[in-house]
Amino acid sequence: MTSYVSAIVRATREHAGVSLGASPRAAVSLLVASKARALLSGREFVTPDDVKGMVHDCLRHRVLLRPEIEIEGVTVDSVLDDVLGRVDVPR
């Protein structure tokens, strides 16, 4: 699951609408939160849905949009949704 988390964080840095993407520390936070979500769900393993479920809460405040994108009304949440749509989900 670490490669999936890394791919998501990397995609935030490569997105055209992002001025400052998520850091490696953000990736660690996302992985830990995903593990906690799995544990609270009664599982000892993390699924891609756990990671997806924590992306907005963990990365929303760590991504800075380009000013011209913000003026157009694009939100960080919509960019994160776009990132999730572009990153291949592991099977």
C-alpha atoms as a PDB file:
ATOM      1  CA  MET A   1       0.000   0.000   0.000  1.00  0.00           C
ATOM      2  CA  THR A   2       2.989   2.284   0.422  1.00  0.00           C
ATOM      3  CA  SER A   3       3.474   2.494  -3.335  1.00  0.00           C
ATOM      4  CA  TYR A   4      -0.158   3.569  -3.765  1.00  0.00           C
ATOM      5  CA  VAL A   5       0.249   6.291  -1.131  1.00  0.00           C
ATOM      6  CA  SER A   6       3.497   7.416  -2.753  1.00  0.00           C
ATOM      7  CA  ALA A   7       1.846   7.566  -6.170  1.00  0.00           C
ATOM      8  CA  ILE A   8      -0.973   9.729  -4.817  1.00  0.00           C
ATOM      9  CA  VAL A   9       1.403  12.138  -3.108  1.00  0.00           C
ATOM     10  CA  ARG A  10       3.638  12.301  -6.189  1.00  0.00           C
ATOM     11  CA  ALA A  11       0.600  13.023  -8.363  1.00  0.00           C
ATOM     12  CA  THR A  12      -0.259  16.043  -6.186  1.00  0.00           C
ATOM     13  CA  ARG A  13       3.163  17.488  -6.953  1.00  0.00           C
ATOM     14  CA  GLU A  14       2.793  16.819 -10.698  1.00  0.00           C
ATOM     15  CA  HIS A  15      -0.768  18.131 -11.105  1.00  0.00           C
ATOM     16  CA  ALA A  16      -1.006  21.164 -13.401  1.00  0.00           C
ATOM     17  CA  GLY A  17      -3.229  23.106 -11.024  1.00  0.00           C
ATOM     18  CA  VAL A  18      -1.016  22.666  -7.978  1.00  0.00           C
ATOM     19  CA  SER A  19       1.614  25.160  -6.941  1.00  0.00           C
ATOM     20  CA  LEU A  20       2.857  23.158  -3.950  1.00  0.00           C
ATOM     21  CA  GLY A  21       2.055  19.469  -3.613  1.00  0.00           C
ATOM     22  CA  ALA A  22       2.057  17.133  -0.652  1.00  0.00           C
ATOM     23  CA  SER A  23       5.379  16.318   1.002  1.00  0.00           C
ATOM     24  CA  PRO A  24       6.919  12.996   2.046  1.00  0.00           C
ATOM     25  CA  ARG A  25       5.743  13.747   5.570  1.00  0.00           C
ATOM     26  CA  ALA A  26       2.207  14.021   4.183  1.00  0.00           C
ATOM     27  CA  ALA A  27       2.648  10.540   2.713  1.00  0.00           C
ATOM     28  CA  VAL A  28       3.578   9.198   6.142  1.00  0.00           C
ATOM     29  CA  SER A  29       0.521  10.867   7.680  1.00  0.00           C
ATOM     30  CA  LEU A  30      -1.722   9.429   4.976  1.00  0.00           C
ATOM     31  CA  LEU A  31      -0.349   5.927   5.506  1.00  0.00           C
ATOM     32  CA  VAL A  32      -0.717   6.101   9.294  1.00  0.00           C
ATOM     33  CA  ALA A  33      -4.269   7.459   9.040  1.00  0.00           C
ATOM     34  CA  SER A  34      -5.148   4.713   6.564  1.00  0.00           C
ATOM     35  CA  LYS A  35      -3.822   2.094   8.957  1.00  0.00           C
ATOM     36  CA  ALA A  36      -5.871   3.603  11.776  1.00  0.00           C
ATOM     37  CA  ARG A  37      -9.000   3.566   9.606  1.00  0.00           C
ATOM     38  CA  ALA A  38      -8.421  -0.102   8.790  1.00  0.00           C
ATOM     39  CA  LEU A  39      -7.909  -0.936  12.462  1.00  0.00           C
ATOM     40  CA  LEU A  40     -11.080   0.896  13.463  1.00  0.00           C
ATOM     41  CA  SER A  41     -12.897  -1.105  10.792  1.00  0.00           C
ATOM     42  CA  GLY A  42     -11.724  -4.315  12.453  1.00  0.00           C
ATOM     43  CA  ARG A  43      -9.064  -5.226   9.901  1.00  0.00           C
ATOM     44  CA  GLU A  44      -5.347  -5.818  10.258  1.00  0.00           C
ATOM     45  CA  PHE A  45      -4.623  -4.746   6.686  1.00  0.00           C
ATOM     46  CA  VAL A  46      -5.107  -1.557   4.670  1.00  0.00           C
ATOM     47  CA  THR A  47      -7.223  -1.471   1.523  1.00  0.00           C
ATOM     48  CA  PRO A  48      -7.176   1.138  -1.247  1.00  0.00           C
ATOM     49  CA  ASP A  49     -10.551   2.328   0.040  1.00  0.00           C
ATOM     50  CA  ASP A  50      -8.928   3.121   3.398  1.00  0.00           C
ATOM     51  CA  VAL A  51      -6.362   5.278   1.636  1.00  0.00           C
ATOM     52  CA  LYS A  52      -8.981   6.978  -0.559  1.00  0.00           C
ATOM     53  CA  GLY A  53     -11.109   7.638   2.499  1.00  0.00           C
ATOM     54  CA  MET A  54      -8.297   9.503   4.227  1.00  0.00           C
ATOM     55  CA  VAL A  55      -6.855  11.468   1.281  1.00  0.00           C
ATOM     56  CA  HIS A  56      -9.003  14.566   1.703  1.00  0.00           C
ATOM     57  CA  ASP A  57      -8.560  14.791   5.461  1.00  0.00           C
ATOM     58  CA  CYS A  58      -4.798  14.218   5.333  1.00  0.00           C
ATOM     59  CA  LEU A  59      -3.838  16.192   2.232  1.00  0.00           C
ATOM     60  CA  ARG A  60      -6.390  19.010   1.944  1.00  0.00           C
ATOM     61  CA  HIS A  61      -4.315  21.443   3.989  1.00  0.00           C
ATOM     62  CA  ARG A  62      -1.001  20.300   2.484  1.00  0.00           C
ATOM     63  CA  VAL A  63      -1.754  21.173  -1.146  1.00  0.00           C
ATOM     64  CA  LEU A  64      -1.521  24.742  -2.437  1.00  0.00           C
ATOM     65  CA  LEU A  65      -3.306  25.571  -5.686  1.00  0.00           C
ATOM     66  CA  ARG A  66      -2.077  27.961  -8.354  1.00  0.00           C
ATOM     67  CA  PRO A  67      -3.777  31.355  -7.960  1.00  0.00           C
ATOM     68  CA  GLU A  68      -5.241  31.315 -11.467  1.00  0.00           C
ATOM     69  CA  ILE A  69      -6.878  27.950 -10.746  1.00  0.00           C
ATOM     70  CA  GLU A  70      -8.350  29.181  -7.464  1.00  0.00           C
ATOM     71  CA  ILE A  71      -9.817  32.230  -9.233  1.00  0.00           C
ATOM     72  CA  GLU A  72     -11.627  29.858 -11.585  1.00  0.00           C
ATOM     73  CA  GLY A  73     -13.307  28.279  -8.548  1.00  0.00           C
ATOM     74  CA  VAL A  74     -11.360  25.031  -8.468  1.00  0.00           C
ATOM     75  CA  THR A  75     -11.024  23.633  -4.940  1.00  0.00           C
ATOM     76  CA  VAL A  76      -8.337  21.491  -3.371  1.00  0.00           C
ATOM     77  CA  ASP A  77     -10.926  18.736  -2.914  1.00  0.00           C
ATOM     78  CA  SER A  78     -11.685  18.677  -6.641  1.00  0.00           C
ATOM     79  CA  VAL A  79      -7.965  18.494  -7.432  1.00  0.00           C
ATOM     80  CA  LEU A  80      -7.562  15.618  -4.966  1.00  0.00           C
ATOM     81  CA  ASP A  81     -10.531  13.860  -6.605  1.00  0.00           C
ATOM     82  CA  ASP A  82      -8.811  14.335  -9.964  1.00  0.00           C
ATOM     83  CA  VAL A  83      -5.566  12.913  -8.561  1.00  0.00           C
ATOM     84  CA  LEU A  84      -7.412   9.878  -7.196  1.00  0.00           C
ATOM     85  CA  GLY A  85      -8.984   9.339 -10.590  1.00  0.00           C
ATOM     86  CA  ARG A  86      -5.611   9.393 -12.331  1.00  0.00           C
ATOM     87  CA  VAL A  87      -3.636   7.121 -10.006  1.00  0.00           C
ATOM     88  CA  ASP A  88      -4.028   3.407 -10.696  1.00  0.00           C
ATOM     89  CA  VAL A  89      -5.551   1.493  -7.796  1.00  0.00           C
ATOM     90  CA  PRO A  90      -3.553  -1.584  -6.759  1.00  0.00           C
ATOM     91  CA  ARG A  91      -5.276  -4.957  -6.956  1.00  0.00           C
END
